[in-house]
Amino acid sequence: LKLVGVKLYLDGALGSRGAWLKQPYADAPG
């Protein structure tokens, strides 16, 4: 057991359309 570091969240997931994309989602243009 060791505490090595830290986990940070920058975006979400593809399934919930929370992943941060450069261009809009193809199935959710807005």
PDB file of all heavy atoms in Angstrom:
ATOM      1  N   LEU A   1       0.834  -1.195   0.000  1.00  0.00           N
ATOM      2  CA  LEU A   1       0.000   0.000   0.000  1.00  0.00           C
ATOM      3  C   LEU A   1       0.870   1.246   0.000  1.00  0.00           C
ATOM      4  O   LEU A   1       1.786   1.358   0.806  1.00  0.00           O
ATOM      5  CB  LEU A   1      -0.914   0.005   1.240  1.00  0.00           C
ATOM      6  CG  LEU A   1      -1.866   1.188   1.382  1.00  0.00           C
ATOM      7  CD1 LEU A   1      -2.874   1.241   0.244  1.00  0.00           C
ATOM      8  CD2 LEU A   1      -2.586   1.143   2.732  1.00  0.00           C
ATOM      9  N   LYS A   2       0.534   2.165  -0.910  1.00  0.00           N
ATOM     10  CA  LYS A   2       1.255   3.433  -0.980  1.00  0.00           C
ATOM     11  C   LYS A   2       0.348   4.494  -1.586  1.00  0.00           C
ATOM     12  O   LYS A   2      -0.384   4.223  -2.532  1.00  0.00           O
ATOM     13  CB  LYS A   2       2.511   3.282  -1.852  1.00  0.00           C
ATOM     14  CG  LYS A   2       3.320   4.575  -2.062  1.00  0.00           C
ATOM     15  CD  LYS A   2       4.497   4.310  -2.998  1.00  0.00           C
ATOM     16  CE  LYS A   2       5.246   5.581  -3.355  1.00  0.00           C
ATOM     17  NZ  LYS A   2       6.026   6.120  -2.231  1.00  0.00           N
ATOM     18  N   LEU A   3       0.390   5.708  -1.040  1.00  0.00           N
ATOM     19  CA  LEU A   3      -0.256   6.861  -1.676  1.00  0.00           C
ATOM     20  C   LEU A   3       0.787   7.472  -2.602  1.00  0.00           C
ATOM     21  O   LEU A   3       1.755   8.083  -2.158  1.00  0.00           O
ATOM     22  CB  LEU A   3      -0.745   7.864  -0.630  1.00  0.00           C
ATOM     23  CG  LEU A   3      -1.728   8.964  -1.052  1.00  0.00           C
ATOM     24  CD1 LEU A   3      -1.077  10.039  -1.895  1.00  0.00           C
ATOM     25  CD2 LEU A   3      -2.938   8.391  -1.773  1.00  0.00           C
ATOM     26  N   VAL A   4       0.586   7.287  -3.901  1.00  0.00           N
ATOM     27  CA  VAL A   4       1.579   7.670  -4.901  1.00  0.00           C
ATOM     28  C   VAL A   4       1.363   9.079  -5.418  1.00  0.00           C
ATOM     29  O   VAL A   4       2.307   9.836  -5.620  1.00  0.00           O
ATOM     30  CB  VAL A   4       1.549   6.679  -6.090  1.00  0.00           C
ATOM     31  CG1 VAL A   4       2.598   7.037  -7.138  1.00  0.00           C
ATOM     32  CG2 VAL A   4       1.743   5.245  -5.604  1.00  0.00           C
ATOM     33  N   GLY A   5       0.090   9.414  -5.638  1.00  0.00           N
ATOM     34  CA  GLY A   5      -0.183  10.694  -6.275  1.00  0.00           C
ATOM     35  C   GLY A   5      -1.629  11.096  -6.155  1.00  0.00           C
ATOM     36  O   GLY A   5      -2.338  10.685  -5.236  1.00  0.00           O
ATOM     37  N   VAL A   6      -2.086  11.886  -7.130  1.00  0.00           N
ATOM     38  CA  VAL A   6      -3.431  12.444  -7.083  1.00  0.00           C
ATOM     39  C   VAL A   6      -4.115  12.240  -8.423  1.00  0.00           C
ATOM     40  O   VAL A   6      -3.491  12.301  -9.480  1.00  0.00           O
ATOM     41  CB  VAL A   6      -3.395  13.947  -6.716  1.00  0.00           C
ATOM     42  CG1 VAL A   6      -2.664  14.765  -7.777  1.00  0.00           C
ATOM     43  CG2 VAL A   6      -4.800  14.502  -6.483  1.00  0.00           C
ATOM     44  N   LYS A   7      -5.411  11.971  -8.368  1.00  0.00           N
ATOM     45  CA  LYS A   7      -6.235  11.816  -9.574  1.00  0.00           C
ATOM     46  C   LYS A   7      -7.034  13.097  -9.769  1.00  0.00           C
ATOM     47  O   LYS A   7      -7.708  13.576  -8.863  1.00  0.00           O
ATOM     48  CB  LYS A   7      -7.185  10.632  -9.383  1.00  0.00           C
ATOM     49  CG  LYS A   7      -8.332  10.534 -10.390  1.00  0.00           C
ATOM     50  CD  LYS A   7      -7.879  10.001 -11.716  1.00  0.00           C
ATOM     51  CE  LYS A   7      -9.060   9.861 -12.678  1.00  0.00           C
ATOM     52  NZ  LYS A   7     -10.117   8.962 -12.198  1.00  0.00           N
ATOM     53  N   LEU A   8      -6.964  13.656 -10.977  1.00  0.00           N
ATOM     54  CA  LEU A   8      -7.717  14.851 -11.340  1.00  0.00           C
ATOM     55  C   LEU A   8      -8.610  14.530 -12.521  1.00  0.00           C
ATOM     56  O   LEU A   8      -8.227  13.767 -13.415  1.00  0.00           O
ATOM     57  CB  LEU A   8      -6.769  15.998 -11.705  1.00  0.00           C
ATOM     58  CG  LEU A   8      -5.742  16.414 -10.646  1.00  0.00           C
ATOM     59  CD1 LEU A   8      -4.771  17.426 -11.225  1.00  0.00           C
ATOM     60  CD2 LEU A   8      -6.448  16.984  -9.411  1.00  0.00           C
ATOM     61  N   TYR A   9      -9.804  15.122 -12.543  1.00  0.00           N
ATOM     62  CA  TYR A   9     -10.742  14.936 -13.654  1.00  0.00           C
ATOM     63  C   TYR A   9     -10.740  16.175 -14.533  1.00  0.00           C
ATOM     64  O   TYR A   9     -10.994  17.289 -14.054  1.00  0.00           O
ATOM     65  CB  TYR A   9     -12.164  14.709 -13.145  1.00  0.00           C
ATOM     66  CG  TYR A   9     -12.448  13.303 -12.692  1.00  0.00           C
ATOM     67  CD1 TYR A   9     -12.364  12.957 -11.350  1.00  0.00           C
ATOM     68  CD2 TYR A   9     -12.818  12.318 -13.616  1.00  0.00           C
ATOM     69  CE1 TYR A   9     -12.632  11.656 -10.931  1.00  0.00           C
ATOM     70  CE2 TYR A   9     -13.088  11.022 -13.198  1.00  0.00           C
ATOM     71  CZ  TYR A   9     -13.001  10.704 -11.859  1.00  0.00           C
ATOM     72  OH  TYR A   9     -13.264   9.415 -11.456  1.00  0.00           O
ATOM     73  N   LEU A  10     -10.482  15.980 -15.838  1.00  0.00           N
ATOM     74  CA  LEU A  10     -10.542  17.105 -16.758  1.00  0.00           C
ATOM     75  C   LEU A  10     -11.828  17.102 -17.582  1.00  0.00           C
ATOM     76  O   LEU A  10     -12.311  18.158 -17.971  1.00  0.00           O
ATOM     77  CB  LEU A  10      -9.321  17.095 -17.683  1.00  0.00           C
ATOM     78  CG  LEU A  10      -9.139  18.306 -18.590  1.00  0.00           C
ATOM     79  CD1 LEU A  10      -9.237  19.611 -17.815  1.00  0.00           C
ATOM     80  CD2 LEU A  10      -7.810  18.236 -19.319  1.00  0.00           C
ATOM     81  N   ASP A  11     -12.375  15.908 -17.853  1.00  0.00           N
ATOM     82  CA  ASP A  11     -13.640  15.862 -18.588  1.00  0.00           C
ATOM     83  C   ASP A  11     -14.426  14.636 -18.165  1.00  0.00           C
ATOM     84  O   ASP A  11     -14.048  13.933 -17.222  1.00  0.00           O
ATOM     85  CB  ASP A  11     -13.416  15.915 -20.103  1.00  0.00           C
ATOM     86  CG  ASP A  11     -12.759  14.660 -20.688  1.00  0.00           C
ATOM     87  OD1 ASP A  11     -12.198  13.870 -19.900  1.00  0.00           O
ATOM     88  OD2 ASP A  11     -12.792  14.488 -21.923  1.00  0.00           O
ATOM     89  N   GLY A  12     -15.539  14.381 -18.874  1.00  0.00           N
ATOM     90  CA  GLY A  12     -16.392  13.252 -18.555  1.00  0.00           C
ATOM     91  C   GLY A  12     -16.149  12.090 -19.508  1.00  0.00           C
ATOM     92  O   GLY A  12     -15.034  11.832 -19.921  1.00  0.00           O
ATOM     93  N   ALA A  13     -17.224  11.387 -19.864  1.00  0.00           N
ATOM     94  CA  ALA A  13     -17.122  10.181 -20.682  1.00  0.00           C
ATOM     95  C   ALA A  13     -17.906  10.341 -21.979  1.00  0.00           C
ATOM     96  O   ALA A  13     -18.806  11.172 -22.089  1.00  0.00           O
ATOM     97  CB  ALA A  13     -17.642   8.972 -19.900  1.00  0.00           C
ATOM     98  N   LEU A  14     -17.569   9.497 -22.953  1.00  0.00           N
ATOM     99  CA  LEU A  14     -18.260   9.541 -24.243  1.00  0.00           C
ATOM    100  C   LEU A  14     -19.732   9.160 -24.113  1.00  0.00           C
ATOM    101  O   LEU A  14     -20.595   9.764 -24.742  1.00  0.00           O
ATOM    102  CB  LEU A  14     -17.585   8.584 -25.233  1.00  0.00           C
ATOM    103  CG  LEU A  14     -16.354   9.067 -25.987  1.00  0.00           C
ATOM    104  CD1 LEU A  14     -15.804   7.925 -26.842  1.00  0.00           C
ATOM    105  CD2 LEU A  14     -16.681  10.270 -26.859  1.00  0.00           C
ATOM    106  N   GLY A  15     -20.009   8.132 -23.306  1.00  0.00           N
ATOM    107  CA  GLY A  15     -21.377   7.615 -23.225  1.00  0.00           C
ATOM    108  C   GLY A  15     -22.389   8.642 -22.788  1.00  0.00           C
ATOM    109  O   GLY A  15     -23.532   8.649 -23.255  1.00  0.00           O
ATOM    110  N   SER A  16     -21.992   9.518 -21.866  1.00  0.00           N
ATOM    111  CA  SER A  16     -22.884  10.563 -21.371  1.00  0.00           C
ATOM    112  C   SER A  16     -22.633  11.895 -22.075  1.00  0.00           C
ATOM    113  O   SER A  16     -23.158  12.928 -21.665  1.00  0.00           O
ATOM    114  CB  SER A  16     -22.707  10.733 -19.861  1.00  0.00           C
ATOM    115  OG  SER A  16     -21.340  10.900 -19.532  1.00  0.00           O
ATOM    116  N   ARG A  17     -21.830  11.853 -23.132  1.00  0.00           N
ATOM    117  CA  ARG A  17     -21.437  13.042 -23.906  1.00  0.00           C
ATOM    118  C   ARG A  17     -20.800  14.106 -23.003  1.00  0.00           C
ATOM    119  O   ARG A  17     -20.989  15.299 -23.203  1.00  0.00           O
ATOM    120  CB  ARG A  17     -22.620  13.630 -24.679  1.00  0.00           C
ATOM    121  CG  ARG A  17     -23.201  12.699 -25.734  1.00  0.00           C
ATOM    122  CD  ARG A  17     -24.208  13.408 -26.631  1.00  0.00           C
ATOM    123  NE  ARG A  17     -24.839  12.458 -27.531  1.00  0.00           N
ATOM    124  CZ  ARG A  17     -25.935  11.751 -27.227  1.00  0.00           C
ATOM    125  NH1 ARG A  17     -26.498  11.902 -26.044  1.00  0.00           N
ATOM    126  NH2 ARG A  17     -26.449  10.919 -28.091  1.00  0.00           N
ATOM    127  N   GLY A  18     -20.051  13.623 -22.031  1.00  0.00           N
ATOM    128  CA  GLY A  18     -19.321  14.535 -21.162  1.00  0.00           C
ATOM    129  C   GLY A  18     -17.861  14.678 -21.551  1.00  0.00           C
ATOM    130  O   GLY A  18     -17.180  15.572 -21.059  1.00  0.00           O
ATOM    131  N   ALA A  19     -17.377  13.781 -22.431  1.00  0.00           N
ATOM    132  CA  ALA A  19     -15.995  13.893 -22.907  1.00  0.00           C
ATOM    133  C   ALA A  19     -15.861  15.203 -23.695  1.00  0.00           C
ATOM    134  O   ALA A  19     -16.693  15.524 -24.541  1.00  0.00           O
ATOM    135  CB  ALA A  19     -15.641  12.694 -23.780  1.00  0.00           C
ATOM    136  N   TRP A  20     -14.798  15.936 -23.434  1.00  0.00           N
ATOM    137  CA  TRP A  20     -14.606  17.280 -24.007  1.00  0.00           C
ATOM    138  C   TRP A  20     -13.956  17.159 -25.375  1.00  0.00           C
ATOM    139  O   TRP A  20     -12.814  16.701 -25.486  1.00  0.00           O
ATOM    140  CB  TRP A  20     -13.768  18.105 -23.041  1.00  0.00           C
ATOM    141  CG  TRP A  20     -13.549  19.529 -23.431  1.00  0.00           C
ATOM    142  CD1 TRP A  20     -14.327  20.304 -24.250  1.00  0.00           C
ATOM    143  CD2 TRP A  20     -12.475  20.356 -22.996  1.00  0.00           C
ATOM    144  NE1 TRP A  20     -13.804  21.572 -24.363  1.00  0.00           N
ATOM    145  CE2 TRP A  20     -12.663  21.627 -23.597  1.00  0.00           C
ATOM    146  CE3 TRP A  20     -11.371  20.165 -22.160  1.00  0.00           C
ATOM    147  CZ2 TRP A  20     -11.789  22.691 -23.394  1.00  0.00           C
ATOM    148  CZ3 TRP A  20     -10.509  21.220 -21.950  1.00  0.00           C
ATOM    149  CH2 TRP A  20     -10.709  22.471 -22.559  1.00  0.00           C
ATOM    150  N   LEU A  21     -14.673  17.582 -26.400  1.00  0.00           N
ATOM    151  CA  LEU A  21     -14.220  17.447 -27.778  1.00  0.00           C
ATOM    152  C   LEU A  21     -13.884  18.803 -28.397  1.00  0.00           C
ATOM    153  O   LEU A  21     -14.446  19.827 -28.023  1.00  0.00           O
ATOM    154  CB  LEU A  21     -15.301  16.772 -28.630  1.00  0.00           C
ATOM    155  CG  LEU A  21     -15.772  15.387 -28.199  1.00  0.00           C
ATOM    156  CD1 LEU A  21     -16.841  14.877 -29.162  1.00  0.00           C
ATOM    157  CD2 LEU A  21     -14.613  14.400 -28.123  1.00  0.00           C
ATOM    158  N   LYS A  22     -13.000  18.767 -29.383  1.00  0.00           N
ATOM    159  CA  LYS A  22     -12.643  19.990 -30.109  1.00  0.00           C
ATOM    160  C   LYS A  22     -13.784  20.446 -31.016  1.00  0.00           C
ATOM    161  O   LYS A  22     -13.983  21.648 -31.229  1.00  0.00           O
ATOM    162  CB  LYS A  22     -11.377  19.756 -30.944  1.00  0.00           C
ATOM    163  CG  LYS A  22     -10.109  19.565 -30.119  1.00  0.00           C
ATOM    164  CD  LYS A  22      -8.886  19.448 -31.017  1.00  0.00           C
ATOM    165  CE  LYS A  22      -7.589  19.355 -30.211  1.00  0.00           C
ATOM    166  NZ  LYS A  22      -6.392  19.309 -31.077  1.00  0.00           N
ATOM    167  N   GLN A  23     -14.518  19.475 -31.567  1.00  0.00           N
ATOM    168  CA  GLN A  23     -15.656  19.755 -32.432  1.00  0.00           C
ATOM    169  C   GLN A  23     -16.900  19.115 -31.826  1.00  0.00           C
ATOM    170  O   GLN A  23     -16.800  18.150 -31.064  1.00  0.00           O
ATOM    171  CB  GLN A  23     -15.414  19.208 -33.843  1.00  0.00           C
ATOM    172  CG  GLN A  23     -14.182  19.776 -34.537  1.00  0.00           C
ATOM    173  CD  GLN A  23     -14.288  21.264 -34.795  1.00  0.00           C
ATOM    174  OE1 GLN A  23     -15.371  21.779 -35.052  1.00  0.00           O
ATOM    175  NE2 GLN A  23     -13.158  21.967 -34.711  1.00  0.00           N
ATOM    176  N   PRO A  24     -18.104  19.621 -32.162  1.00  0.00           N
ATOM    177  CA  PRO A  24     -19.327  19.076 -31.562  1.00  0.00           C
ATOM    178  C   PRO A  24     -19.506  17.582 -31.847  1.00  0.00           C
ATOM    179  O   PRO A  24     -18.981  17.040 -32.831  1.00  0.00           O
ATOM    180  CB  PRO A  24     -20.436  19.899 -32.222  1.00  0.00           C
ATOM    181  CG  PRO A  24     -19.784  21.175 -32.621  1.00  0.00           C
ATOM    182  CD  PRO A  24     -18.387  20.799 -33.010  1.00  0.00           C
ATOM    183  N   TYR A  25     -20.255  16.937 -30.980  1.00  0.00           N
ATOM    184  CA  TYR A  25     -20.600  15.536 -31.173  1.00  0.00           C
ATOM    185  C   TYR A  25     -21.354  15.356 -32.482  1.00  0.00           C
ATOM    186  O   TYR A  25     -22.246  16.144 -32.808  1.00  0.00           O
ATOM    187  CB  TYR A  25     -21.461  15.031 -30.009  1.00  0.00           C
ATOM    188  CG  TYR A  25     -20.672  14.706 -28.770  1.00  0.00           C
ATOM    189  CD1 TYR A  25     -20.353  15.690 -27.837  1.00  0.00           C
ATOM    190  CD2 TYR A  25     -20.244  13.411 -28.524  1.00  0.00           C
ATOM    191  CE1 TYR A  25     -19.625  15.395 -26.691  1.00  0.00           C
ATOM    192  CE2 TYR A  25     -19.512  13.096 -27.384  1.00  0.00           C
ATOM    193  CZ  TYR A  25     -19.210  14.094 -26.478  1.00  0.00           C
ATOM    194  OH  TYR A  25     -18.482  13.797 -25.354  1.00  0.00           O
ATOM    195  N   ALA A  26     -21.038  14.296 -33.198  1.00  0.00           N
ATOM    196  CA  ALA A  26     -21.715  14.025 -34.463  1.00  0.00           C
ATOM    197  C   ALA A  26     -23.198  13.735 -34.241  1.00  0.00           C
ATOM    198  O   ALA A  26     -24.028  14.043 -35.100  1.00  0.00           O
ATOM    199  CB  ALA A  26     -21.051  12.849 -35.176  1.00  0.00           C
ATOM    200  N   ASP A  27     -23.543  13.150 -33.092  1.00  0.00           N
ATOM    201  CA  ASP A  27     -24.941  12.816 -32.817  1.00  0.00           C
ATOM    202  C   ASP A  27     -25.601  13.792 -31.844  1.00  0.00           C
ATOM    203  O   ASP A  27     -26.691  13.534 -31.345  1.00  0.00           O
ATOM    204  CB  ASP A  27     -25.055  11.379 -32.300  1.00  0.00           C
ATOM    205  CG  ASP A  27     -24.242  11.121 -31.039  1.00  0.00           C
ATOM    206  OD1 ASP A  27     -23.519  12.036 -30.592  1.00  0.00           O
ATOM    207  OD2 ASP A  27     -24.323  10.002 -30.489  1.00  0.00           O
ATOM    208  N   ALA A  28     -24.931  14.890 -31.545  1.00  0.00           N
ATOM    209  CA  ALA A  28     -25.511  15.958 -30.716  1.00  0.00           C
ATOM    210  C   ALA A  28     -24.796  17.251 -31.101  1.00  0.00           C
ATOM    211  O   ALA A  28     -23.898  17.716 -30.390  1.00  0.00           O
ATOM    212  CB  ALA A  28     -25.343  15.663 -29.230  1.00  0.00           C
ATOM    213  N   PRO A  29     -25.156  17.840 -32.254  1.00  0.00           N
ATOM    214  CA  PRO A  29     -24.396  18.954 -32.832  1.00  0.00           C
ATOM    215  C   PRO A  29     -24.195  20.161 -31.923  1.00  0.00           C
ATOM    216  O   PRO A  29     -23.237  20.902 -32.093  1.00  0.00           O
ATOM    217  CB  PRO A  29     -25.223  19.325 -34.067  1.00  0.00           C
ATOM    218  CG  PRO A  29     -25.947  18.067 -34.421  1.00  0.00           C
ATOM    219  CD  PRO A  29     -26.259  17.401 -33.120  1.00  0.00           C
ATOM    220  N   GLY A  30     -25.047  20.325 -30.930  1.00  0.00           N
ATOM    221  CA  GLY A  30     -24.886  21.493 -30.063  1.00  0.00           C
ATOM    222  C   GLY A  30     -23.989  21.271 -28.866  1.00  0.00           C
ATOM    223  O   GLY A  30     -23.791  22.181 -28.062  1.00  0.00           O
TER     224      GLY A  30
END
